[in-house]
Amino acid sequence: MKAFETRLGYEFTRPDLLVRAVTHGSMASPNRDDNQRLEFLGDRVLGLVIAEALLDHDRGAAEGQLAPRFNALVRKETCAEVARAVDLGTVLKLGRSEMLSGGRRKQALLGDAMEAVIAAVYRDGGFAAAQDMILRLWGARIASVKADARDAKTALQEWAQAKGLTPPGYVEVDRSGPDHAPVFTIEVRLANGHAERATAGSKRQAEQAAAKTMLTRLENS
């Protein structure tokens, strides 16, 4: 846990808060709280810090530009990416079944725990401490977030609507791998007959990748 504090760049005065932040529900008991309540708080702290950072980073951006950038930075996938960068999975406290099913690598668990860690820092050191940590861990992402950060599925749906087409359809065409680490192949289909496929470790990721591939095809056609 001390090594993890070093990776976070924050030393807790109340280590019990950090322990709670990395405790998954599968390890909860009457004498041991899980991280769900902290996750709820951390999501709000992260949102406030990111919103203010975006305003400061681009003082001329309109709300319509800021909103998709904000969503891209606070979504669960981004939280999980940051969690992997600080190797949060190694300190997660998981029940045996969750651990055996690959819980330390699961995107949802990592994203939730990252939000809980943010809340733990906030409760331990106040808003300034949480803000400092978030800006360090998210800094490069804030600086490089695309001017139009709409997710690919949204952008593809808007393209279809502009062309007078029905919304794109997404079909699971294959699933492989063990139950604890499935791999999905998703095909996106347009009413004009175009179709593209992508493979990823979750349906959401595969859908987004397929939509992105389709957008690239449309831009180059």
C-alpha atoms as a PDB file:
ATOM      1  CA  MET A   1       0.000   0.000   0.000  1.00  0.00           C
ATOM      2  CA  LYS A   2       2.919   2.358   0.677  1.00  0.00           C
ATOM      3  CA  ALA A   3       4.222   1.728  -2.831  1.00  0.00           C
ATOM      4  CA  PHE A   4       0.770   2.503  -4.182  1.00  0.00           C
ATOM      5  CA  GLU A   5       0.709   5.790  -2.236  1.00  0.00           C
ATOM      6  CA  THR A   6       3.997   6.647  -3.931  1.00  0.00           C
ATOM      7  CA  ARG A   7       2.497   5.962  -7.344  1.00  0.00           C
ATOM      8  CA  LEU A   8      -0.483   8.156  -6.446  1.00  0.00           C
ATOM      9  CA  GLY A   9       1.778  10.899  -5.163  1.00  0.00           C
ATOM     10  CA  TYR A  10      -0.221  11.169  -1.954  1.00  0.00           C
ATOM     11  CA  GLU A  11       0.448   9.874   1.568  1.00  0.00           C
ATOM     12  CA  PHE A  12      -2.614   9.193   3.713  1.00  0.00           C
ATOM     13  CA  THR A  13      -2.882  10.341   7.306  1.00  0.00           C
ATOM     14  CA  ARG A  14      -5.819   7.922   7.644  1.00  0.00           C
ATOM     15  CA  PRO A  15      -4.727   4.714   5.878  1.00  0.00           C
ATOM     16  CA  ASP A  16      -8.092   3.139   6.668  1.00  0.00           C
ATOM     17  CA  LEU A  17      -9.658   5.372   4.012  1.00  0.00           C
ATOM     18  CA  LEU A  18      -7.363   3.937   1.359  1.00  0.00           C
ATOM     19  CA  VAL A  19      -8.065   0.401   2.531  1.00  0.00           C
ATOM     20  CA  ARG A  20     -11.785   1.029   2.189  1.00  0.00           C
ATOM     21  CA  ALA A  21     -11.310   2.596  -1.252  1.00  0.00           C
ATOM     22  CA  VAL A  22      -9.667  -0.552  -2.620  1.00  0.00           C
ATOM     23  CA  THR A  23     -12.080  -3.012  -0.986  1.00  0.00           C
ATOM     24  CA  HIS A  24     -14.503  -4.532  -3.482  1.00  0.00           C
ATOM     25  CA  GLY A  25     -17.994  -5.617  -2.494  1.00  0.00           C
ATOM     26  CA  SER A  26     -16.926  -9.268  -2.712  1.00  0.00           C
ATOM     27  CA  MET A  27     -14.771  -8.660   0.388  1.00  0.00           C
ATOM     28  CA  ALA A  28     -17.353  -6.672   2.362  1.00  0.00           C
ATOM     29  CA  SER A  29     -18.568  -7.882   5.743  1.00  0.00           C
ATOM     30  CA  PRO A  30     -20.312  -6.427   8.804  1.00  0.00           C
ATOM     31  CA  ASN A  31     -16.862  -5.355  10.012  1.00  0.00           C
ATOM     32  CA  ARG A  32     -15.435  -4.341   6.652  1.00  0.00           C
ATOM     33  CA  ASP A  33     -16.948  -1.613   4.439  1.00  0.00           C
ATOM     34  CA  ASP A  34     -16.605  -1.801   0.669  1.00  0.00           C
ATOM     35  CA  ASN A  35     -15.809   1.109  -1.636  1.00  0.00           C
ATOM     36  CA  GLN A  36     -19.255   1.806  -3.098  1.00  0.00           C
ATOM     37  CA  ARG A  37     -20.047   4.881  -1.013  1.00  0.00           C
ATOM     38  CA  LEU A  38     -16.609   6.336  -1.692  1.00  0.00           C
ATOM     39  CA  GLU A  39     -17.072   5.632  -5.393  1.00  0.00           C
ATOM     40  CA  PHE A  40     -20.265   7.722  -5.337  1.00  0.00           C
ATOM     41  CA  LEU A  41     -18.403  10.661  -3.805  1.00  0.00           C
ATOM     42  CA  GLY A  42     -15.297  10.292  -5.939  1.00  0.00           C
ATOM     43  CA  ASP A  43     -17.316  10.478  -9.135  1.00  0.00           C
ATOM     44  CA  ARG A  44     -18.585  13.923  -8.086  1.00  0.00           C
ATOM     45  CA  VAL A  45     -15.161  15.187  -6.998  1.00  0.00           C
ATOM     46  CA  LEU A  46     -13.628  14.035 -10.281  1.00  0.00           C
ATOM     47  CA  GLY A  47     -16.393  15.730 -12.237  1.00  0.00           C
ATOM     48  CA  LEU A  48     -15.883  19.083 -10.526  1.00  0.00           C
ATOM     49  CA  VAL A  49     -12.101  19.028 -10.976  1.00  0.00           C
ATOM     50  CA  ILE A  50     -12.308  18.017 -14.638  1.00  0.00           C
ATOM     51  CA  ALA A  51     -15.014  20.580 -15.421  1.00  0.00           C
ATOM     52  CA  GLU A  52     -12.948  23.393 -13.933  1.00  0.00           C
ATOM     53  CA  ALA A  53      -9.770  22.156 -15.650  1.00  0.00           C
ATOM     54  CA  LEU A  54     -11.493  22.165 -19.029  1.00  0.00           C
ATOM     55  CA  LEU A  55     -12.735  25.717 -18.509  1.00  0.00           C
ATOM     56  CA  ASP A  56      -9.213  26.856 -17.659  1.00  0.00           C
ATOM     57  CA  HIS A  57      -7.619  24.889 -20.505  1.00  0.00           C
ATOM     58  CA  ASP A  58      -9.789  26.386 -23.250  1.00  0.00           C
ATOM     59  CA  ARG A  59     -11.342  29.676 -22.205  1.00  0.00           C
ATOM     60  CA  GLY A  60     -13.037  30.164 -25.555  1.00  0.00           C
ATOM     61  CA  ALA A  61     -14.789  26.784 -25.786  1.00  0.00           C
ATOM     62  CA  ALA A  62     -18.577  26.685 -25.859  1.00  0.00           C
ATOM     63  CA  GLU A  63     -20.631  24.365 -23.663  1.00  0.00           C
ATOM     64  CA  GLY A  64     -21.334  22.165 -26.675  1.00  0.00           C
ATOM     65  CA  GLN A  65     -17.596  21.603 -27.090  1.00  0.00           C
ATOM     66  CA  LEU A  66     -16.832  21.175 -23.401  1.00  0.00           C
ATOM     67  CA  ALA A  67     -19.532  18.580 -22.666  1.00  0.00           C
ATOM     68  CA  PRO A  68     -18.175  15.788 -24.909  1.00  0.00           C
ATOM     69  CA  ARG A  69     -14.627  16.449 -23.693  1.00  0.00           C
ATOM     70  CA  PHE A  70     -15.846  16.210 -20.108  1.00  0.00           C
ATOM     71  CA  ASN A  71     -17.655  12.933 -20.796  1.00  0.00           C
ATOM     72  CA  ALA A  72     -14.551  11.477 -22.425  1.00  0.00           C
ATOM     73  CA  LEU A  73     -12.408  12.316 -19.383  1.00  0.00           C
ATOM     74  CA  VAL A  74     -14.711  11.109 -16.592  1.00  0.00           C
ATOM     75  CA  ARG A  75     -16.153   7.968 -18.166  1.00  0.00           C
ATOM     76  CA  LYS A  76     -15.423   4.606 -16.585  1.00  0.00           C
ATOM     77  CA  GLU A  77     -13.010   3.566 -19.329  1.00  0.00           C
ATOM     78  CA  THR A  78     -10.783   6.574 -18.689  1.00  0.00           C
ATOM     79  CA  CYS A  79     -10.863   6.000 -14.936  1.00  0.00           C
ATOM     80  CA  ALA A  80      -9.784   2.410 -15.571  1.00  0.00           C
ATOM     81  CA  GLU A  81      -6.922   3.581 -17.806  1.00  0.00           C
ATOM     82  CA  VAL A  82      -5.668   5.847 -15.029  1.00  0.00           C
ATOM     83  CA  ALA A  83      -6.071   2.994 -12.535  1.00  0.00           C
ATOM     84  CA  ARG A  84      -3.886   0.777 -14.723  1.00  0.00           C
ATOM     85  CA  ALA A  85      -1.283   3.538 -15.006  1.00  0.00           C
ATOM     86  CA  VAL A  86      -0.857   3.560 -11.201  1.00  0.00           C
ATOM     87  CA  ASP A  87      -1.199  -0.238 -11.018  1.00  0.00           C
ATOM     88  CA  LEU A  88      -4.236  -0.039  -8.760  1.00  0.00           C
ATOM     89  CA  GLY A  89      -5.183  -3.634  -9.541  1.00  0.00           C
ATOM     90  CA  THR A  90      -2.331  -4.968  -7.426  1.00  0.00           C
ATOM     91  CA  VAL A  91      -3.818  -3.511  -4.229  1.00  0.00           C
ATOM     92  CA  LEU A  92      -7.487  -4.324  -4.830  1.00  0.00           C
ATOM     93  CA  LYS A  93      -9.019  -6.389  -2.031  1.00  0.00           C
ATOM     94  CA  LEU A  94     -11.225  -8.988  -3.705  1.00  0.00           C
ATOM     95  CA  GLY A  95     -13.155 -12.068  -2.681  1.00  0.00           C
ATOM     96  CA  ARG A  96     -11.761 -15.375  -3.884  1.00  0.00           C
ATOM     97  CA  SER A  97     -14.289 -15.881  -6.698  1.00  0.00           C
ATOM     98  CA  GLU A  98     -13.799 -12.344  -8.025  1.00  0.00           C
ATOM     99  CA  MET A  99     -10.043 -12.721  -7.841  1.00  0.00           C
ATOM    100  CA  LEU A 100     -10.095 -16.028  -9.718  1.00  0.00           C
ATOM    101  CA  SER A 101     -12.305 -14.519 -12.434  1.00  0.00           C
ATOM    102  CA  GLY A 102      -9.708 -11.864 -13.243  1.00  0.00           C
ATOM    103  CA  GLY A 103     -11.144  -9.056 -11.131  1.00  0.00           C
ATOM    104  CA  ARG A 104      -7.830  -7.205 -10.887  1.00  0.00           C
ATOM    105  CA  ARG A 105      -7.993  -6.581 -14.640  1.00  0.00           C
ATOM    106  CA  LYS A 106     -11.706  -5.829 -14.992  1.00  0.00           C
ATOM    107  CA  GLN A 107     -12.432  -2.388 -16.349  1.00  0.00           C
ATOM    108  CA  ALA A 108     -15.510  -1.761 -14.206  1.00  0.00           C
ATOM    109  CA  LEU A 109     -13.749  -2.733 -10.967  1.00  0.00           C
ATOM    110  CA  LEU A 110     -10.706  -0.618 -11.757  1.00  0.00           C
ATOM    111  CA  GLY A 111     -12.785   2.393 -12.762  1.00  0.00           C
ATOM    112  CA  ASP A 112     -14.947   2.179  -9.648  1.00  0.00           C
ATOM    113  CA  ALA A 113     -11.923   1.781  -7.386  1.00  0.00           C
ATOM    114  CA  MET A 114     -10.173   4.764  -8.980  1.00  0.00           C
ATOM    115  CA  GLU A 115     -13.176   6.947  -8.183  1.00  0.00           C
ATOM    116  CA  ALA A 116     -13.181   5.584  -4.624  1.00  0.00           C
ATOM    117  CA  VAL A 117      -9.480   6.418  -4.236  1.00  0.00           C
ATOM    118  CA  ILE A 118     -10.218   9.981  -5.336  1.00  0.00           C
ATOM    119  CA  ALA A 119     -12.864  10.230  -2.625  1.00  0.00           C
ATOM    120  CA  ALA A 120     -10.482   8.774  -0.059  1.00  0.00           C
ATOM    121  CA  VAL A 121      -7.900  11.455  -0.861  1.00  0.00           C
ATOM    122  CA  TYR A 122     -10.631  14.101  -0.672  1.00  0.00           C
ATOM    123  CA  ARG A 123     -11.813  12.889   2.743  1.00  0.00           C
ATOM    124  CA  ASP A 124      -8.256  12.580   4.012  1.00  0.00           C
ATOM    125  CA  GLY A 125      -6.656  15.755   2.679  1.00  0.00           C
ATOM    126  CA  GLY A 126      -9.431  17.975   1.390  1.00  0.00           C
ATOM    127  CA  PHE A 127     -10.372  19.240  -2.043  1.00  0.00           C
ATOM    128  CA  ALA A 128      -6.965  20.734  -2.855  1.00  0.00           C
ATOM    129  CA  ALA A 129      -5.243  17.382  -2.319  1.00  0.00           C
ATOM    130  CA  ALA A 130      -7.759  15.548  -4.491  1.00  0.00           C
ATOM    131  CA  GLN A 131      -7.547  18.227  -7.165  1.00  0.00           C
ATOM    132  CA  ASP A 132      -3.748  18.062  -7.221  1.00  0.00           C
ATOM    133  CA  MET A 133      -3.776  14.281  -7.640  1.00  0.00           C
ATOM    134  CA  ILE A 134      -6.424  14.320 -10.372  1.00  0.00           C
ATOM    135  CA  LEU A 135      -4.646  17.019 -12.354  1.00  0.00           C
ATOM    136  CA  ARG A 136      -1.389  15.045 -12.177  1.00  0.00           C
ATOM    137  CA  LEU A 137      -2.951  11.733 -13.181  1.00  0.00           C
ATOM    138  CA  TRP A 138      -5.319  13.156 -15.806  1.00  0.00           C
ATOM    139  CA  GLY A 139      -3.088  16.027 -16.947  1.00  0.00           C
ATOM    140  CA  ALA A 140      -1.938  14.663 -20.304  1.00  0.00           C
ATOM    141  CA  ARG A 141      -5.465  13.540 -21.115  1.00  0.00           C
ATOM    142  CA  ILE A 142      -6.898  16.976 -20.332  1.00  0.00           C
ATOM    143  CA  ALA A 143      -4.327  18.610 -22.583  1.00  0.00           C
ATOM    144  CA  SER A 144      -4.860  16.219 -25.481  1.00  0.00           C
ATOM    145  CA  VAL A 145      -8.608  15.558 -25.347  1.00  0.00           C
ATOM    146  CA  LYS A 146      -9.982  16.080 -28.835  1.00  0.00           C
ATOM    147  CA  ALA A 147     -11.922  19.228 -29.659  1.00  0.00           C
ATOM    148  CA  ASP A 148     -14.803  16.962 -30.625  1.00  0.00           C
ATOM    149  CA  ALA A 149     -14.642  14.113 -28.117  1.00  0.00           C
ATOM    150  CA  ARG A 150     -18.012  12.575 -28.880  1.00  0.00           C
ATOM    151  CA  ASP A 151     -17.802   8.815 -28.697  1.00  0.00           C
ATOM    152  CA  ALA A 152     -17.777   7.014 -32.036  1.00  0.00           C
ATOM    153  CA  LYS A 153     -21.255   5.509 -31.621  1.00  0.00           C
ATOM    154  CA  THR A 154     -22.797   8.940 -31.063  1.00  0.00           C
ATOM    155  CA  ALA A 155     -20.926  10.432 -34.013  1.00  0.00           C
ATOM    156  CA  LEU A 156     -22.000   7.577 -36.296  1.00  0.00           C
ATOM    157  CA  GLN A 157     -25.628   7.891 -35.214  1.00  0.00           C
ATOM    158  CA  GLU A 158     -25.566  11.611 -35.920  1.00  0.00           C
ATOM    159  CA  TRP A 159     -24.073  10.918 -39.372  1.00  0.00           C
ATOM    160  CA  ALA A 160     -26.881   8.457 -40.135  1.00  0.00           C
ATOM    161  CA  GLN A 161     -29.541  10.925 -38.994  1.00  0.00           C
ATOM    162  CA  ALA A 162     -28.042  13.651 -41.172  1.00  0.00           C
ATOM    163  CA  LYS A 163     -28.281  11.305 -44.153  1.00  0.00           C
ATOM    164  CA  GLY A 164     -31.890  10.399 -43.372  1.00  0.00           C
ATOM    165  CA  LEU A 165     -30.955   6.818 -42.468  1.00  0.00           C
ATOM    166  CA  THR A 166     -32.212   4.736 -39.558  1.00  0.00           C
ATOM    167  CA  PRO A 167     -29.804   4.481 -36.607  1.00  0.00           C
ATOM    168  CA  PRO A 168     -26.919   2.000 -36.947  1.00  0.00           C
ATOM    169  CA  GLY A 169     -27.484  -1.519 -35.663  1.00  0.00           C
ATOM    170  CA  TYR A 170     -24.958  -3.474 -33.583  1.00  0.00           C
ATOM    171  CA  VAL A 171     -24.889  -7.275 -33.686  1.00  0.00           C
ATOM    172  CA  GLU A 172     -22.720  -9.670 -31.697  1.00  0.00           C
ATOM    173  CA  VAL A 173     -21.334 -12.029 -34.326  1.00  0.00           C
ATOM    174  CA  ASP A 174     -18.852 -13.936 -32.172  1.00  0.00           C
ATOM    175  CA  ARG A 175     -17.789 -14.500 -28.586  1.00  0.00           C
ATOM    176  CA  SER A 176     -14.700 -16.410 -27.544  1.00  0.00           C
ATOM    177  CA  GLY A 177     -12.391 -16.859 -24.587  1.00  0.00           C
ATOM    178  CA  PRO A 178     -13.104 -18.003 -21.019  1.00  0.00           C
ATOM    179  CA  ASP A 179     -16.048 -16.652 -19.029  1.00  0.00           C
ATOM    180  CA  HIS A 180     -13.801 -14.458 -16.882  1.00  0.00           C
ATOM    181  CA  ALA A 181     -12.101 -12.874 -19.922  1.00  0.00           C
ATOM    182  CA  PRO A 182     -14.496 -12.983 -22.893  1.00  0.00           C
ATOM    183  CA  VAL A 183     -13.677 -11.489 -26.291  1.00  0.00           C
ATOM    184  CA  PHE A 184     -16.534 -10.040 -28.348  1.00  0.00           C
ATOM    185  CA  THR A 185     -16.771  -9.403 -32.076  1.00  0.00           C
ATOM    186  CA  ILE A 186     -19.417  -6.817 -32.940  1.00  0.00           C
ATOM    187  CA  GLU A 187     -20.640  -5.811 -36.382  1.00  0.00           C
ATOM    188  CA  VAL A 188     -22.139  -2.392 -36.990  1.00  0.00           C
ATOM    189  CA  ARG A 189     -24.599  -2.204 -39.854  1.00  0.00           C
ATOM    190  CA  LEU A 190     -25.988   0.812 -41.697  1.00  0.00           C
ATOM    191  CA  ALA A 191     -29.244   0.964 -43.627  1.00  0.00           C
ATOM    192  CA  ASN A 192     -27.259   1.590 -46.823  1.00  0.00           C
ATOM    193  CA  GLY A 193     -25.698  -1.869 -46.544  1.00  0.00           C
ATOM    194  CA  HIS A 194     -22.298  -0.877 -45.150  1.00  0.00           C
ATOM    195  CA  ALA A 195     -20.953  -3.030 -42.309  1.00  0.00           C
ATOM    196  CA  GLU A 196     -17.767  -3.111 -40.249  1.00  0.00           C
ATOM    197  CA  ARG A 197     -16.538  -5.388 -37.461  1.00  0.00           C
ATOM    198  CA  ALA A 198     -14.310  -4.983 -34.415  1.00  0.00           C
ATOM    199  CA  THR A 199     -13.159  -7.191 -31.555  1.00  0.00           C
ATOM    200  CA  ALA A 200     -12.546  -6.201 -27.921  1.00  0.00           C
ATOM    201  CA  GLY A 201     -12.783  -7.436 -24.355  1.00  0.00           C
ATOM    202  CA  SER A 202     -16.228  -5.923 -23.764  1.00  0.00           C
ATOM    203  CA  LYS A 203     -19.297  -5.358 -25.910  1.00  0.00           C
ATOM    204  CA  ARG A 204     -19.123  -1.608 -25.358  1.00  0.00           C
ATOM    205  CA  GLN A 205     -15.499  -1.411 -26.451  1.00  0.00           C
ATOM    206  CA  ALA A 206     -16.169  -3.575 -29.509  1.00  0.00           C
ATOM    207  CA  GLU A 207     -19.179  -1.450 -30.482  1.00  0.00           C
ATOM    208  CA  GLN A 208     -17.153   1.738 -30.148  1.00  0.00           C
ATOM    209  CA  ALA A 209     -14.283   0.268 -32.168  1.00  0.00           C
ATOM    210  CA  ALA A 210     -16.642  -0.920 -34.912  1.00  0.00           C
ATOM    211  CA  ALA A 211     -18.277   2.518 -35.062  1.00  0.00           C
ATOM    212  CA  LYS A 212     -14.866   4.187 -35.259  1.00  0.00           C
ATOM    213  CA  THR A 213     -13.839   1.887 -38.114  1.00  0.00           C
ATOM    214  CA  MET A 214     -17.068   2.718 -39.910  1.00  0.00           C
ATOM    215  CA  LEU A 215     -16.494   6.458 -39.465  1.00  0.00           C
ATOM    216  CA  THR A 216     -13.013   6.128 -40.893  1.00  0.00           C
ATOM    217  CA  ARG A 217     -14.437   4.267 -43.903  1.00  0.00           C
ATOM    218  CA  LEU A 218     -17.050   6.941 -44.454  1.00  0.00           C
ATOM    219  CA  GLU A 219     -14.504   9.755 -44.197  1.00  0.00           C
ATOM    220  CA  ASN A 220     -12.282   8.085 -46.797  1.00  0.00           C
ATOM    221  CA  SER A 221     -15.043   7.138 -49.220  1.00  0.00           C
END
